[in-house]
Protein backbone atom coordinates (compact mmCIF):
# COMPACT_ATOMS: atom_id res chain seq x y z
CA MET A 1 45.72 5.19 32.93
CA SER A 2 46.50 1.49 32.74
CA LEU A 3 46.97 -0.34 29.47
CA LYS A 4 43.97 -2.53 30.35
CA LEU A 5 41.73 0.52 30.87
CA LEU A 6 42.99 2.10 27.64
CA ALA A 7 42.23 -1.10 25.75
CA ALA A 8 38.72 -1.25 27.19
CA LEU A 9 38.13 2.39 26.28
CA ALA A 10 39.37 1.80 22.73
CA LEU A 11 37.07 -1.18 22.34
CA SER A 12 34.11 0.84 23.61
CA VAL A 13 34.81 3.69 21.18
CA ALA A 14 35.24 1.21 18.34
CA ALA A 15 31.96 -0.50 19.19
CA GLN A 16 30.11 2.82 19.26
CA ALA A 17 31.62 3.83 15.92
CA ALA A 18 30.70 0.49 14.41
CA ALA A 19 27.13 0.85 15.64
CA GLN A 20 26.88 4.35 14.17
CA ASP A 21 28.31 3.17 10.85
CA ARG A 22 25.92 0.23 10.45
CA THR A 23 23.73 0.62 7.43
CA VAL A 24 19.95 0.28 7.60
CA LYS A 25 18.68 -1.61 4.56
CA ILE A 26 15.11 -1.14 3.39
CA GLN A 27 13.82 -3.86 1.10
CA VAL A 28 11.26 -2.81 -1.53
CA PRO A 29 9.06 -5.57 -3.00
CA PHE A 30 8.86 -3.91 -6.41
CA ALA A 31 11.14 -2.85 -9.26
CA PRO A 32 12.74 0.61 -9.32
CA GLY A 33 10.53 3.46 -10.49
CA GLY A 34 7.22 2.22 -9.10
CA GLY A 35 5.14 4.03 -6.51
CA THR A 36 6.43 2.11 -3.48
CA ASP A 37 10.03 2.49 -4.65
CA ILE A 38 9.67 6.26 -5.15
CA LEU A 39 8.08 6.68 -1.72
CA THR A 40 10.85 4.70 -0.07
CA ARG A 41 13.55 6.78 -1.76
CA ILE A 42 11.84 9.95 -0.57
CA ILE A 43 11.75 8.69 3.01
CA ALA A 44 15.18 7.03 3.24
CA PRO A 45 17.29 10.24 3.40
CA LYS A 46 15.05 11.72 6.09
CA LEU A 47 15.25 8.55 8.14
CA ALA A 48 19.02 8.52 7.73
CA GLU A 49 19.16 12.06 9.15
CA ARG A 50 17.04 11.07 12.13
CA LEU A 51 19.03 7.90 12.86
CA ALA A 52 22.41 9.45 12.06
CA GLN A 53 23.12 6.25 10.11
CA PRO A 54 23.23 5.35 6.43
CA VAL A 55 19.93 4.10 5.01
CA ILE A 56 19.91 2.40 1.63
CA VAL A 57 17.09 1.04 -0.55
CA GLU A 58 17.29 -2.43 -2.09
CA ASN A 59 14.75 -3.53 -4.70
CA ARG A 60 13.62 -7.14 -4.32
CA PRO A 61 10.80 -7.74 -6.83
CA GLY A 62 9.47 -11.26 -7.16
CA ALA A 63 7.22 -13.90 -5.58
CA GLY A 64 4.19 -11.66 -5.95
CA SER A 65 5.83 -8.95 -3.79
CA MET A 66 6.70 -11.44 -1.03
CA LEU A 67 10.40 -11.85 -1.81
CA ALA A 68 11.36 -8.62 -0.02
CA PRO A 69 9.81 -9.58 3.33
CA GLU A 70 11.34 -13.04 2.96
CA VAL A 71 14.79 -11.47 2.48
CA MET A 72 14.20 -9.31 5.56
CA LEU A 73 13.19 -12.30 7.67
CA LYS A 74 16.23 -14.30 6.57
CA SER A 75 18.52 -11.45 7.66
CA PRO A 76 19.62 -10.98 11.28
CA ALA A 77 16.64 -9.76 13.31
CA ASP A 78 18.47 -6.74 14.66
CA GLY A 79 16.41 -3.91 13.20
CA TYR A 80 18.90 -3.10 10.44
CA THR A 81 16.98 -4.84 7.66
CA LEU A 82 13.44 -3.56 7.08
CA VAL A 83 10.81 -3.63 4.38
CA VAL A 84 8.46 -1.00 2.97
CA SER A 85 5.33 -2.61 1.62
CA ASN A 86 1.85 -1.73 0.50
CA VAL A 87 -1.42 -3.37 1.51
CA THR A 88 -0.45 -6.57 -0.35
CA ILE A 89 1.50 -7.72 2.70
CA ALA A 90 -1.83 -7.98 4.55
CA MET A 91 -3.23 -10.40 1.94
CA PRO A 92 -1.49 -13.72 2.71
CA SER A 93 -4.55 -15.67 1.58
CA MET A 94 -3.76 -14.57 -1.99
CA PHE A 95 -0.77 -16.90 -1.96
CA LYS A 96 -0.71 -20.69 -2.08
CA LYS A 97 2.17 -20.91 0.37
CA LEU A 98 4.35 -18.40 2.15
CA PRO A 99 7.59 -19.20 3.99
CA PHE A 100 6.50 -16.94 6.85
CA ASP A 101 3.41 -15.93 8.80
CA VAL A 102 2.60 -12.24 8.37
CA ARG A 103 0.60 -12.26 11.60
CA LYS A 104 3.46 -13.61 13.72
CA ASP A 105 6.73 -12.89 11.95
CA ILE A 106 6.32 -9.27 10.86
CA ALA A 107 6.03 -6.22 13.11
CA PRO A 108 4.48 -2.92 11.96
CA VAL A 109 6.83 0.02 12.57
CA SER A 110 5.13 3.09 11.10
CA LEU A 111 2.55 4.02 8.52
CA ILE A 112 3.68 6.15 5.60
CA GLY A 113 0.46 7.06 3.85
CA PHE A 114 -2.68 6.02 2.04
CA GLY A 115 -3.36 5.82 -1.68
CA GLN A 116 -6.96 5.95 -2.86
CA VAL A 117 -8.37 4.66 -6.11
CA ALA A 118 -11.26 6.17 -8.04
CA LEU A 119 -14.13 4.30 -9.69
CA CYS A 120 -13.98 5.27 -13.36
CA ALA A 121 -16.60 4.89 -16.08
CA HIS A 122 -16.89 5.84 -19.72
CA PRO A 123 -18.98 9.01 -20.16
CA SER A 124 -21.48 7.09 -22.30
CA LEU A 125 -22.27 4.52 -19.61
CA PRO A 126 -25.97 4.93 -18.71
CA ALA A 127 -25.14 4.60 -15.02
CA LYS A 128 -24.04 8.09 -13.97
CA THR A 129 -23.61 7.45 -10.24
CA VAL A 130 -22.62 4.59 -7.96
CA LYS A 131 -26.29 4.09 -7.06
CA ASP A 132 -27.06 3.84 -10.79
CA VAL A 133 -24.33 1.19 -11.19
CA VAL A 134 -25.77 -0.81 -8.30
CA ALA A 135 -29.32 -0.52 -9.65
CA LEU A 136 -28.25 -1.58 -13.15
CA ALA A 137 -26.18 -4.51 -11.85
CA ARG A 138 -29.11 -5.73 -9.76
CA ARG A 139 -31.57 -5.34 -12.60
CA LYS A 140 -29.35 -7.14 -15.10
CA PRO A 141 -26.86 -9.33 -13.19
CA GLY A 142 -23.69 -10.17 -15.09
CA THR A 143 -24.16 -7.55 -17.81
CA LEU A 144 -21.74 -4.98 -16.38
CA ASN A 145 -18.03 -5.75 -16.47
CA TYR A 146 -14.92 -4.18 -15.02
CA GLY A 147 -11.22 -4.18 -15.66
CA SER A 148 -8.41 -4.54 -13.14
CA ALA A 149 -4.62 -4.63 -13.04
CA GLY A 150 -4.83 -8.43 -12.88
CA THR A 151 -6.29 -11.24 -10.82
CA GLY A 152 -5.61 -10.55 -7.16
CA ALA A 153 -4.41 -6.99 -7.79
CA PHE A 154 -5.61 -4.31 -5.40
CA THR A 155 -7.93 -2.86 -8.05
CA HIS A 156 -9.49 -6.32 -8.44
CA LEU A 157 -9.99 -6.75 -4.70
CA ALA A 158 -11.35 -3.21 -4.30
CA MET A 159 -14.01 -4.02 -6.90
CA ALA A 160 -14.72 -7.41 -5.30
CA LEU A 161 -15.30 -5.57 -2.01
CA PHE A 162 -17.69 -3.21 -3.84
CA GLU A 163 -19.63 -6.15 -5.29
CA SER A 164 -19.86 -7.85 -1.91
CA MET A 165 -20.99 -4.78 0.01
CA ALA A 166 -23.44 -3.66 -2.69
CA GLY A 167 -24.84 -7.15 -3.23
CA ILE A 168 -24.15 -7.17 -6.97
CA SER A 169 -22.30 -9.35 -9.48
CA MET A 170 -20.21 -8.09 -12.39
CA VAL A 171 -17.83 -9.75 -14.84
CA HIS A 172 -14.12 -9.35 -14.09
CA ILE A 173 -11.77 -8.69 -17.02
CA PRO A 174 -8.13 -8.84 -15.83
CA TYR A 175 -5.53 -6.77 -17.68
CA LYS A 176 -1.74 -6.69 -17.37
CA GLY A 177 -1.59 -3.48 -15.37
CA SER A 178 -3.79 -0.61 -14.21
CA SER A 179 -3.07 1.62 -17.19
CA GLN A 180 -4.33 -1.04 -19.62
CA ALA A 181 -7.53 -1.45 -17.59
CA VAL A 182 -8.16 2.30 -17.68
CA ILE A 183 -7.56 2.36 -21.43
CA GLY A 184 -10.09 -0.47 -21.64
CA VAL A 185 -12.69 1.82 -20.08
CA THR A 186 -11.92 4.67 -22.49
CA THR A 187 -12.31 2.35 -25.50
CA GLY A 188 -15.47 0.71 -24.20
CA GLU A 189 -13.92 -2.74 -23.74
CA VAL A 190 -15.02 -2.62 -20.10
CA ASP A 191 -17.62 -0.55 -18.28
CA LEU A 192 -15.73 0.28 -15.10
CA ALA A 193 -12.32 0.18 -13.45
CA PHE A 194 -10.64 1.45 -10.34
CA SER A 195 -7.62 3.67 -10.98
CA SER A 196 -5.34 6.00 -9.11
CA PRO A 197 -6.88 9.48 -9.44
CA ALA A 198 -3.46 10.81 -10.43
CA ALA A 199 -3.26 8.36 -13.34
CA ALA A 200 -6.78 9.02 -14.60
CA ILE A 201 -7.34 12.74 -13.97
CA GLY A 202 -5.94 13.72 -17.38
CA LEU A 203 -8.46 11.45 -19.15
CA VAL A 204 -11.26 12.87 -16.99
CA LYS A 205 -10.30 16.42 -18.00
CA GLN A 206 -10.30 15.32 -21.67
CA GLY A 207 -13.82 13.97 -21.27
CA ARG A 208 -12.77 10.38 -21.92
CA LEU A 209 -13.52 9.14 -18.40
CA ARG A 210 -15.82 10.06 -15.56
CA PHE A 211 -15.09 9.66 -11.85
CA LEU A 212 -18.01 8.15 -9.92
CA ALA A 213 -16.45 7.93 -6.46
CA VAL A 214 -13.18 7.53 -4.56
CA SER A 215 -12.43 4.51 -2.42
CA GLY A 216 -11.16 6.06 0.80
CA SER A 217 -13.01 7.41 3.82
CA ASN A 218 -12.05 10.98 2.93
CA PRO A 219 -12.36 12.96 -0.32
CA SER A 220 -9.31 13.07 -2.60
CA THR A 221 -7.51 16.34 -3.31
CA LEU A 222 -6.81 14.95 -6.79
CA ALA A 223 -10.52 14.48 -7.50
CA PRO A 224 -12.25 17.52 -5.96
CA GLY A 225 -16.00 17.24 -5.67
CA VAL A 226 -16.03 13.47 -6.19
CA PRO A 227 -17.85 11.64 -3.36
CA THR A 228 -16.43 8.74 -1.42
CA MET A 229 -17.96 5.33 -2.09
CA SER A 230 -19.62 5.53 1.31
CA GLU A 231 -21.12 8.94 0.52
CA ALA A 232 -22.19 7.63 -2.89
CA GLY A 233 -24.35 4.93 -1.35
CA VAL A 234 -22.14 1.99 -0.29
CA LYS A 235 -22.09 2.80 3.41
CA GLY A 236 -18.90 1.91 5.25
CA TYR A 237 -16.93 1.10 2.11
CA GLU A 238 -13.20 1.77 2.35
CA ALA A 239 -10.36 0.40 0.26
CA THR A 240 -7.03 2.16 0.41
CA SER A 241 -3.63 0.92 -0.58
CA TRP A 242 -1.65 1.97 2.45
CA TYR A 243 2.14 1.98 2.65
CA GLY A 244 4.14 1.17 5.74
CA LEU A 245 7.52 0.34 7.22
CA LEU A 246 7.85 -3.11 8.77
CA ALA A 247 10.48 -5.02 10.73
CA PRO A 248 11.00 -8.63 11.84
CA ALA A 249 8.85 -9.37 14.88
CA ALA A 250 11.92 -11.02 16.40
CA ALA A 251 13.88 -7.74 16.38
CA PRO A 252 14.54 -6.18 19.80
CA ARG A 253 11.51 -4.19 20.94
CA ALA A 254 13.71 -1.22 21.77
CA ALA A 255 15.02 -1.16 18.19
CA ILE A 256 11.50 -1.29 16.72
CA THR A 257 10.33 1.47 19.04
CA LYS A 258 13.30 3.66 18.12
CA LEU A 259 12.71 3.07 14.40
CA SER A 260 9.04 3.93 14.80
CA GLU A 261 9.71 7.14 16.70
CA GLU A 262 12.31 8.35 14.21
CA SER A 263 10.23 7.30 11.21
CA VAL A 264 7.23 9.29 12.45
CA LYS A 265 9.47 12.33 12.99
CA ALA A 266 10.94 11.94 9.51
CA LEU A 267 7.52 11.59 7.90
CA THR A 268 6.14 14.66 9.68
CA ALA A 269 9.02 16.89 8.57
CA PRO A 270 7.67 20.14 6.98
CA ASP A 271 8.57 19.21 3.41
CA MET A 272 7.39 15.61 3.51
CA LYS A 273 3.63 16.25 3.24
CA GLU A 274 4.02 18.08 -0.05
CA ARG A 275 6.33 15.40 -1.46
CA LEU A 276 3.98 12.57 -0.50
CA LEU A 277 0.93 14.36 -1.88
CA ALA A 278 2.83 14.82 -5.14
CA GLN A 279 2.90 11.02 -5.33
CA ALA A 280 -0.88 10.84 -4.77
CA VAL A 281 -0.31 9.57 -1.22
CA ASP A 282 -2.13 11.07 1.75
CA PRO A 283 0.47 11.30 4.55
CA ALA A 284 -0.10 9.23 7.68
CA LYS A 285 1.08 9.93 11.21
CA GLY A 286 0.67 6.46 12.65
CA GLY A 287 3.38 4.81 14.68
CA ILE A 288 3.44 1.27 16.08
CA GLU A 289 0.08 1.38 17.83
CA GLU A 290 -1.92 2.80 14.91
CA PHE A 291 -0.21 0.62 12.31
CA THR A 292 -0.58 -2.53 14.41
CA LYS A 293 -4.31 -1.90 14.80
CA LEU A 294 -4.75 -1.30 11.07
CA PHE A 295 -2.66 -4.33 10.10
CA ALA A 296 -4.63 -6.60 12.44
CA ALA A 297 -7.90 -5.44 10.86
CA GLU A 298 -6.75 -5.58 7.24
CA VAL A 299 -5.66 -9.25 7.17
CA PRO A 300 -9.11 -10.72 8.00
CA LYS A 301 -10.89 -8.04 5.95
CA TRP A 302 -9.14 -8.95 2.71
CA GLU A 303 -9.19 -12.66 3.51
CA LYS A 304 -12.98 -12.42 3.65
CA VAL A 305 -13.10 -10.54 0.32
CA ILE A 306 -10.79 -13.05 -1.38
CA THR A 307 -12.81 -16.01 -0.11
CA ALA A 308 -16.19 -14.49 -1.04
CA ALA A 309 -14.96 -13.63 -4.55
CA LYS A 310 -13.48 -17.14 -4.95
CA ILE A 311 -10.17 -15.69 -6.10
CA PRO A 312 -7.72 -18.57 -6.44
CA PRO A 313 -4.39 -18.27 -4.56
CA GLN A 314 -1.56 -17.25 -6.82
């Protein structure tokens, strides 16, 4: 074998080794310990197994959860820097100015799961069902109020969607986090609030809260017997905080397709369903096609809600 051929072979082997050793970095828009961070750290080892490459998680909180996608888009568009985000990424109209266009610059890779919220009320509230809430709000506009995790938070927008679809008006009381809003319901400071069923189920069992409905299109295993908002009278209502893996739209299509295929396989591993459900997340099986369709529908949906509720950009 000639020296030239040996050199070419060595370079080829080195290139393959370098490719295998390249680390996939997943940017998380929130601080360590939150729901999105925990989900990402559950998924990362499985994805690393599938890709036969290291996968690490980097927390990039800031800019209203938009710093992480910005970091991804400033990195080489080679498929090695990704972001895991929740539904917030599909709400660009909540922001005064973004350095990127979510519709053009970001490519859905795979869905991870869906997180429902439950409409909670104090047991003493005269309205015992969603229909009762709607009737009371129509009879006495502006007398009912609700708490949220803050202006523009998902729990705020989910309630704004409820108001819009039910044709009612309530007073919004923003808190600094979902837990504070739920406490506000238990103390009577506010009449209603949306909360993760997992976070509120203990208070429901203690008799300090009552679930009226869940926000998804399917019942929640964490709130058995509780109807969906659609079943409770607001037909067609659905508000779920989905989670998904995204890549730069400029990344090679082959790389995005490969990531999607391996992500779906990782997420459908036998032990993953149980681990996701333990985080109050209903597992999803959607790859590029399903996620792209959902993403395309969510952006205008929430833009309409934000505009109708006159929520100022943050």
